[in-house]
Protein backbone atom coordinates (compact mmCIF):
# COMPACT_ATOMS: atom_id res chain seq x y z
CA MET A 1 11.04 -14.86 -71.31
CA VAL A 2 11.19 -18.81 -71.01
CA PRO A 3 7.23 -20.29 -70.81
CA PRO A 4 6.50 -21.37 -67.07
CA THR A 5 6.32 -25.70 -67.08
CA ALA A 6 3.75 -27.55 -65.32
CA VAL A 7 6.00 -28.78 -62.43
CA ALA A 8 5.54 -28.75 -58.66
CA SER A 9 7.41 -27.66 -56.19
CA SER A 10 11.22 -29.00 -55.93
CA ASP A 11 9.81 -30.17 -52.68
CA ALA A 12 9.61 -34.04 -53.89
CA ALA A 13 7.90 -35.34 -50.86
CA THR A 14 5.06 -33.13 -52.34
CA ALA A 15 3.13 -34.81 -55.15
CA ILE A 16 1.63 -32.55 -58.06
CA GLY A 17 -1.87 -32.30 -58.18
CA THR A 18 -2.49 -31.05 -54.76
CA SER A 19 -4.02 -27.84 -53.52
CA ASN A 20 -0.60 -27.69 -51.43
CA ALA A 21 1.72 -27.76 -54.56
CA PRO A 22 -0.50 -25.67 -56.99
CA ALA A 23 2.12 -26.57 -60.15
CA THR A 24 1.92 -23.47 -63.25
CA LYS A 25 -0.22 -24.72 -66.07
CA ASP A 26 1.47 -24.13 -69.47
CA PRO A 27 -0.63 -21.95 -71.67
CA VAL A 28 -2.95 -23.57 -73.84
CA LYS A 29 -1.63 -22.86 -77.65
CA ASP A 30 -4.11 -20.39 -79.40
CA THR A 31 -6.27 -20.95 -81.56
CA ILE A 32 -9.48 -19.24 -82.51
CA LEU A 33 -11.12 -21.16 -79.77
CA THR A 34 -9.00 -19.78 -77.66
CA PRO A 35 -10.36 -16.13 -75.36
CA ARG A 36 -8.45 -13.62 -76.65
CA PHE A 37 -6.66 -10.45 -75.13
CA TYR A 38 -7.57 -7.43 -76.65
CA THR A 39 -6.43 -3.42 -77.23
CA THR A 40 -8.05 -0.02 -78.50
CA ASP A 41 -7.54 3.18 -79.15
CA PHE A 42 -7.48 4.77 -75.63
CA GLU A 43 -7.65 8.24 -77.47
CA ALA A 44 -10.70 7.24 -79.42
CA MET A 45 -12.20 6.39 -75.49
CA ALA A 46 -11.27 9.08 -73.60
CA ALA A 47 -12.79 11.56 -76.32
CA MET A 48 -16.04 10.09 -76.09
CA ASP A 49 -18.98 12.17 -76.14
CA LEU A 50 -21.53 10.29 -73.26
CA SER A 51 -23.94 13.02 -72.94
CA PRO A 52 -26.52 11.57 -75.27
CA ASN A 53 -27.03 8.64 -72.60
CA ALA A 54 -25.47 10.43 -69.75
CA ASP A 55 -27.78 9.58 -67.40
CA GLU A 56 -28.20 5.96 -67.63
CA LEU A 57 -24.28 5.55 -67.37
CA GLU A 58 -24.27 7.30 -64.24
CA ALA A 59 -27.07 5.17 -63.16
CA ILE A 60 -24.96 2.15 -64.18
CA CYS A 61 -22.39 3.39 -62.29
CA GLU A 62 -24.04 4.08 -59.28
CA GLU A 63 -25.04 0.09 -59.57
CA PHE A 64 -21.19 -0.66 -59.92
CA ARG A 65 -20.48 1.41 -56.76
CA LYS A 66 -22.48 -0.45 -54.59
CA ASP A 67 -20.42 -3.56 -55.28
CA TYR A 68 -23.16 -5.88 -54.53
CA ASN A 69 -21.15 -9.00 -54.78
CA ARG A 70 -18.06 -8.09 -52.71
CA HIS A 71 -18.63 -10.68 -50.07
CA HIS A 72 -20.12 -13.11 -52.10
CA PHE A 73 -16.82 -14.77 -53.39
CA VAL A 74 -15.73 -16.42 -49.89
CA ARG A 75 -15.14 -19.97 -50.31
CA ASN A 76 -15.78 -22.51 -47.88
CA GLU A 77 -15.90 -25.95 -46.15
CA GLU A 78 -17.53 -27.49 -49.29
CA PHE A 79 -14.35 -26.71 -51.63
CA GLU A 80 -12.00 -29.24 -49.10
CA GLY A 81 -11.62 -32.43 -50.79
CA ALA A 82 -13.74 -31.66 -53.50
CA ALA A 83 -11.58 -32.03 -56.15
CA ASP A 84 -10.58 -35.31 -54.95
CA LYS A 85 -14.08 -36.55 -55.51
CA LEU A 86 -14.13 -36.35 -59.49
CA ASP A 87 -12.94 -39.06 -61.68
CA PRO A 88 -9.60 -38.48 -63.96
CA GLU A 89 -11.60 -37.83 -66.92
CA THR A 90 -14.12 -35.25 -64.96
CA ARG A 91 -11.39 -33.74 -63.48
CA LYS A 92 -9.61 -33.19 -66.97
CA VAL A 93 -12.53 -31.30 -68.78
CA PHE A 94 -13.20 -29.48 -65.58
CA VAL A 95 -9.78 -28.37 -64.87
CA GLU A 96 -10.16 -27.08 -68.89
CA PHE A 97 -13.16 -25.21 -67.96
CA LEU A 98 -11.42 -23.25 -65.64
CA GLU A 99 -9.04 -22.56 -67.08
CA GLN A 100 -10.54 -21.05 -70.52
CA SER A 101 -12.81 -19.00 -67.78
CA CYS A 102 -10.14 -18.01 -65.85
CA THR A 103 -8.16 -16.38 -69.07
CA SER A 104 -11.80 -14.57 -70.53
CA GLU A 105 -12.12 -13.34 -67.07
CA PHE A 106 -8.91 -12.39 -67.10
CA SER A 107 -8.78 -10.95 -70.47
CA GLY A 108 -11.51 -8.20 -69.14
CA PHE A 109 -9.78 -7.33 -66.84
CA LEU A 110 -6.81 -6.47 -68.67
CA LEU A 111 -8.34 -4.50 -70.93
CA TYR A 112 -10.89 -2.49 -68.38
CA LYS A 113 -7.92 -1.74 -65.98
CA GLU A 114 -5.70 -0.09 -69.17
CA LEU A 115 -8.88 1.61 -70.20
CA SER A 116 -9.92 2.91 -66.51
CA ARG A 117 -6.12 3.81 -66.20
CA ARG A 118 -5.83 5.40 -69.66
CA ILE A 119 -9.06 7.77 -69.86
CA LYS A 120 -9.34 9.13 -66.23
CA GLU A 121 -8.21 12.34 -66.93
CA ARG A 122 -9.96 13.14 -69.99
CA ASN A 123 -13.47 10.87 -69.31
CA PRO A 124 -13.87 10.71 -65.79
CA LEU A 125 -17.14 8.87 -65.56
CA LEU A 126 -16.28 6.10 -68.38
CA ALA A 127 -13.18 5.55 -66.54
CA GLU A 128 -14.99 4.93 -63.49
CA CYS A 129 -17.05 2.34 -65.00
CA PHE A 130 -14.16 0.51 -66.31
CA ALA A 131 -12.42 0.28 -63.22
CA HIS A 132 -15.30 -0.98 -61.60
CA MET A 133 -15.29 -3.61 -64.24
CA ALA A 134 -11.99 -4.59 -64.04
CA ARG A 135 -12.56 -4.92 -60.18
CA ASP A 136 -15.40 -7.38 -60.81
CA GLU A 137 -12.88 -9.52 -63.56
CA ALA A 138 -10.17 -9.91 -61.27
CA ARG A 139 -12.32 -10.86 -58.81
CA HIS A 140 -13.72 -13.50 -60.90
CA ALA A 141 -10.69 -14.54 -62.07
CA GLY A 142 -8.69 -14.73 -58.83
CA PHE A 143 -11.86 -17.19 -57.49
CA LEU A 144 -11.64 -19.28 -60.63
CA ASN A 145 -7.41 -19.51 -60.50
CA LYS A 146 -7.69 -20.48 -56.74
CA SER A 147 -10.42 -23.41 -57.35
CA MET A 148 -7.55 -24.17 -60.28
CA SER A 149 -4.85 -25.12 -57.11
CA ASP A 150 -7.79 -27.51 -55.64
CA PHE A 151 -6.45 -29.60 -58.52
CA GLY A 152 -3.27 -28.98 -58.08
CA LEU A 153 -2.43 -26.22 -61.03
CA GLN A 154 -2.69 -22.55 -61.31
CA LEU A 155 -2.29 -19.85 -64.52
CA ASP A 156 0.78 -17.38 -64.40
CA LEU A 157 -1.83 -14.72 -64.92
CA GLY A 158 1.70 -12.00 -65.07
CA PHE A 159 3.08 -14.34 -67.79
CA LEU A 160 0.00 -14.30 -69.91
CA THR A 161 -0.04 -10.17 -69.19
CA ALA A 162 3.33 -10.20 -70.88
CA ASN A 163 3.47 -13.30 -73.59
CA LYS A 164 0.09 -13.57 -75.24
CA ALA A 165 -0.55 -11.57 -78.53
CA TYR A 166 -3.17 -8.77 -77.40
CA THR A 167 -6.00 -8.29 -80.51
CA TYR A 168 -6.43 -4.35 -81.28
CA PHE A 169 -10.32 -3.78 -81.84
CA LYS A 170 -11.49 -0.54 -82.73
CA PRO A 171 -13.97 1.15 -79.94
CA GLU A 172 -16.92 0.29 -81.69
CA TYR A 173 -15.49 -3.23 -81.99
CA ILE A 174 -14.93 -4.01 -78.43
CA PHE A 175 -18.35 -2.24 -77.77
CA TYR A 176 -20.35 -5.41 -80.16
CA ALA A 177 -17.63 -7.72 -78.55
CA THR A 178 -17.37 -6.98 -74.64
CA TYR A 179 -21.19 -6.69 -74.70
CA LEU A 180 -22.11 -10.20 -76.43
CA SER A 181 -19.32 -11.78 -73.87
CA GLU A 182 -21.06 -10.41 -71.21
CA LYS A 183 -24.24 -11.17 -71.65
CA ILE A 184 -23.50 -14.66 -73.14
CA GLY A 185 -21.55 -14.97 -70.04
CA TYR A 186 -24.47 -14.01 -67.86
CA TRP A 187 -26.91 -16.88 -70.44
CA ARG A 188 -24.82 -19.42 -69.53
CA TYR A 189 -23.99 -19.03 -66.05
CA ILE A 190 -27.80 -19.08 -65.30
CA ALA A 191 -28.50 -21.70 -67.28
CA ILE A 192 -25.93 -24.14 -65.09
CA PHE A 193 -26.85 -22.80 -62.42
CA ARG A 194 -30.83 -23.67 -62.75
CA HIS A 195 -30.57 -26.40 -64.15
CA LEU A 196 -27.86 -27.45 -60.84
CA GLU A 197 -30.87 -26.27 -58.80
CA LYS A 198 -32.84 -29.35 -59.94
CA ASN A 199 -29.95 -31.25 -60.26
CA PRO A 200 -28.02 -31.46 -57.20
CA ASP A 201 -26.62 -34.48 -58.06
CA SER A 202 -24.86 -33.42 -60.86
CA LYS A 203 -23.46 -30.55 -59.44
CA ILE A 204 -19.41 -31.90 -59.58
CA PHE A 205 -17.66 -28.47 -57.50
CA PRO A 206 -18.50 -26.20 -55.22
CA ILE A 207 -18.67 -23.44 -57.30
CA PHE A 208 -21.20 -23.77 -58.81
CA ASN A 209 -23.04 -22.54 -56.13
CA PHE A 210 -21.98 -19.39 -56.76
CA PHE A 211 -23.12 -18.74 -60.00
CA GLU A 212 -26.29 -17.36 -59.72
CA ASN A 213 -24.97 -13.32 -58.05
CA TRP A 214 -21.73 -14.17 -60.49
CA CYS A 215 -23.98 -13.77 -63.44
CA GLN A 216 -25.25 -10.87 -62.12
CA ASP A 217 -22.03 -9.22 -62.60
CA GLU A 218 -22.01 -10.40 -65.97
CA ASN A 219 -25.03 -8.66 -66.95
CA ARG A 220 -24.55 -5.33 -65.33
CA HIS A 221 -21.26 -5.28 -67.63
CA GLY A 222 -23.79 -5.61 -70.66
CA ASP A 223 -25.76 -3.42 -69.37
CA PHE A 224 -23.25 -0.96 -69.31
CA PHE A 225 -21.95 -1.50 -72.91
CA ASP A 226 -25.61 -1.36 -74.15
CA ALA A 227 -25.86 1.91 -72.04
CA LEU A 228 -22.53 2.71 -73.93
CA MET A 229 -23.50 2.30 -77.54
CA LYS A 230 -26.87 4.15 -77.17
CA ALA A 231 -24.24 7.14 -76.20
CA GLN A 232 -22.61 6.69 -79.43
CA PRO A 233 -25.45 6.35 -81.54
CA LYS A 234 -23.48 5.29 -85.01
CA SER A 235 -22.58 2.03 -83.38
CA VAL A 236 -25.66 0.63 -83.66
CA THR A 237 -27.65 2.17 -86.04
CA GLY A 238 -27.24 2.31 -89.94
CA LEU A 239 -26.05 -0.11 -92.78
CA ARG A 240 -22.40 -0.31 -91.58
CA ALA A 241 -23.83 -1.41 -87.85
CA ARG A 242 -26.01 -3.59 -88.90
CA LEU A 243 -23.32 -5.70 -90.79
CA TRP A 244 -20.69 -5.52 -87.88
CA CYS A 245 -23.55 -6.06 -85.40
CA ARG A 246 -24.35 -9.51 -87.45
CA PHE A 247 -20.68 -10.45 -88.26
CA PHE A 248 -20.19 -10.20 -84.35
CA LEU A 249 -23.17 -12.26 -83.08
CA LEU A 250 -22.26 -14.75 -85.88
CA ALA A 251 -18.47 -14.94 -84.51
CA VAL A 252 -19.30 -15.45 -81.00
CA PHE A 253 -21.98 -18.31 -81.50
CA ALA A 254 -20.01 -20.10 -84.12
CA THR A 255 -17.23 -19.65 -82.02
CA MET A 256 -19.08 -20.96 -78.77
CA TYR A 257 -20.92 -23.31 -80.64
CA VAL A 258 -18.05 -25.53 -81.75
CA ARG A 259 -16.08 -24.99 -78.70
CA ASP A 260 -18.80 -26.42 -76.36
CA VAL A 261 -19.09 -29.16 -78.80
CA ALA A 262 -15.96 -29.95 -78.93
CA ARG A 263 -15.68 -30.50 -75.03
CA LYS A 264 -18.91 -31.98 -74.82
CA GLU A 265 -17.54 -34.28 -72.28
CA PHE A 266 -17.62 -31.40 -69.35
CA TYR A 267 -21.45 -30.52 -70.30
CA GLU A 268 -22.47 -33.85 -70.26
CA ALA A 269 -20.70 -34.65 -66.58
CA LEU A 270 -23.09 -31.49 -65.43
CA GLY A 271 -26.37 -33.46 -66.75
CA LEU A 272 -26.13 -31.62 -69.94
CA ASP A 273 -26.51 -31.59 -73.44
CA ALA A 274 -24.47 -29.39 -74.80
CA ARG A 275 -25.94 -28.91 -78.27
CA GLU A 276 -29.17 -28.16 -76.52
CA TYR A 277 -27.31 -26.05 -73.83
CA ASP A 278 -25.51 -24.20 -76.40
CA LYS A 279 -29.14 -23.59 -78.72
CA TYR A 280 -31.08 -22.44 -75.30
CA VAL A 281 -28.07 -19.65 -74.34
CA ILE A 282 -27.75 -18.58 -78.38
CA ALA A 283 -32.04 -17.85 -78.06
CA LYS A 284 -31.54 -16.28 -75.26
CA THR A 285 -28.54 -14.13 -76.20
CA ASN A 286 -29.96 -13.47 -79.34
CA GLU A 287 -33.09 -12.01 -77.80
CA THR A 288 -31.28 -10.05 -75.28
CA THR A 289 -29.30 -8.21 -77.76
CA ALA A 290 -32.26 -7.32 -79.27
CA ARG A 291 -32.84 -4.45 -77.03
CA VAL A 292 -29.45 -2.52 -78.65
CA PHE A 293 -28.16 -4.03 -81.93
CA PRO A 294 -30.01 -3.18 -84.48
CA VAL A 295 -30.45 -6.36 -86.44
CA VAL A 296 -30.22 -10.13 -84.34
CA LEU A 297 -29.61 -13.21 -86.24
CA ASN A 298 -31.88 -15.84 -87.55
CA VAL A 299 -30.94 -18.47 -85.34
CA ASP A 300 -34.72 -20.23 -85.89
CA HIS A 301 -33.72 -20.54 -89.77
CA PRO A 302 -33.62 -24.45 -90.72
CA LYS A 303 -29.88 -24.38 -91.90
CA PHE A 304 -28.68 -22.39 -88.90
CA TYR A 305 -27.51 -25.17 -86.64
CA THR A 306 -26.99 -27.87 -89.86
CA ARG A 307 -24.88 -25.08 -90.97
CA LEU A 308 -22.88 -24.76 -87.28
CA GLU A 309 -23.13 -28.82 -87.50
CA ARG A 310 -20.97 -28.84 -90.56
CA LEU A 311 -18.44 -25.95 -88.96
CA VAL A 312 -18.18 -29.03 -85.97
CA ARG A 313 -16.78 -31.36 -88.15
CA ASN A 314 -14.50 -29.63 -89.90
CA ASN A 315 -12.62 -28.43 -86.56
CA ASP A 316 -12.56 -32.42 -85.57
CA LYS A 317 -11.43 -32.80 -89.18
CA LEU A 318 -8.73 -29.48 -88.75
CA SER A 319 -7.68 -31.15 -84.64
CA ALA A 320 -7.22 -34.73 -86.51
CA ALA A 321 -4.86 -32.92 -89.18
CA ASP A 322 -2.93 -30.96 -86.71
CA GLU A 323 -2.29 -33.93 -84.25
CA GLY A 324 -0.73 -36.23 -86.84
CA ASN A 325 2.83 -36.31 -87.76
CA ALA A 326 2.97 -35.49 -91.01
CA PRO A 327 5.45 -32.44 -92.16
CA ALA A 328 4.33 -28.64 -91.72
CA PRO A 329 3.59 -28.26 -95.04
CA LEU A 330 1.83 -31.35 -95.39
CA LYS A 331 -0.18 -30.19 -92.69
CA VAL A 332 -1.45 -27.17 -94.09
CA LEU A 333 -2.08 -28.61 -97.64
CA ARG A 334 -4.76 -31.27 -95.76
CA LYS A 335 -6.68 -28.50 -93.63
CA LEU A 336 -6.52 -25.83 -96.18
CA PRO A 337 -9.84 -28.22 -97.82
CA TYR A 338 -12.03 -27.33 -94.16
CA TRP A 339 -10.78 -23.96 -93.69
CA VAL A 340 -12.20 -23.36 -97.41
CA ALA A 341 -15.19 -25.13 -96.19
CA ASN A 342 -15.34 -23.20 -92.96
CA GLY A 343 -15.17 -20.01 -94.62
CA ALA A 344 -18.17 -20.97 -97.38
CA GLU A 345 -20.33 -22.09 -94.60
CA MET A 346 -19.95 -18.77 -92.47
CA ALA A 347 -20.74 -16.56 -95.13
CA LYS A 348 -23.70 -18.32 -95.80
CA LEU A 349 -24.76 -17.90 -92.25
CA PHE A 350 -23.51 -14.29 -92.61
CA PHE A 351 -25.77 -13.92 -95.95
CA THR A 352 -28.97 -15.31 -94.32
CA ASN A 353 -31.48 -12.52 -93.99
CA PRO A 354 -30.76 -11.06 -90.43
CA ILE A 355 -34.61 -10.14 -88.60
CA ARG A 356 -34.66 -5.94 -87.71
CA SER A 357 -34.82 -6.02 -84.18
CA GLU A 358 -38.03 -3.88 -84.00
CA ASN A 359 -39.95 -7.02 -85.87
CA TYR A 360 -37.92 -9.39 -84.08
CA GLN A 361 -39.68 -8.56 -80.58
CA PRO A 362 -40.94 -4.97 -80.15
CA ALA A 363 -41.50 -5.85 -76.14
CA VAL A 364 -37.99 -5.97 -75.50
CA ARG A 365 -37.35 -2.22 -77.26
């Protein structure tokens, strides 16, 4: 399939950059920092025994059935002309935020929808929960993509479905990754919402008015994965689980920190410091995770953020090498020292002693 190009309608009288002629935006190049699409072992998911925590999962499913936000994502007159008020640089970084967020939400929709379809005959409760979460993620992705159309662009979600690479994760890895994605999404959205509540002059676009209710969807999804992991005790007990929980916590925190610092201009447009914002989100997510993960990271370790900053600097060097005109083999040679350095920093972070969750904050358990 030929990739879509960011061109507008053939009607020459209709300009690119208006909501009347949304262009199909080229998908961003996949990197370690871009959202992933996932697949898993559907047979193992279908055979999963929920009985160790069936009551909690049924209660969460009942919350999903109520669909508290079914009338929430309704655009109003505030969206009219809001895109035209942004200066070019703010416009650019905000569209990047919309694209990354839309891709991430759509990724969740695809995974949850496929799970609900594949397991509904053998595991109906689990399938129903995934169907409700797919509904929420589709709603979020559509709302974000509609906001992109205010800037004359839209993502071709059908093209992404058919052409983006899918990463295979075992079910327990899906639990860790999606639980963290949902909980970190909650803290990201609620932190922005509360900041803009206090600083309304920094609200650059009306989509932020929806973040308080929106993040409750993220929170409920995270609670579902919390309950699902408790129904599969091996996923959160024992040495192997402790190692994998450390790995996923570190991968998610490091990726977010490097990505957000790289696009700090977006946060500056909201009146936020990207580093301080991420430190808050990391601390709150780490605290929340102690409710189910057997260990959490020692994010207060004096070298934790020092090492993340080294990742930021190395990533800048990698980006600079990519942008050069050197032949591909030479680019690889130039990037190799920074890849090795990043691997070393991640290893040091991984082997920093974690905190056992029961000792971290007993009250949350």
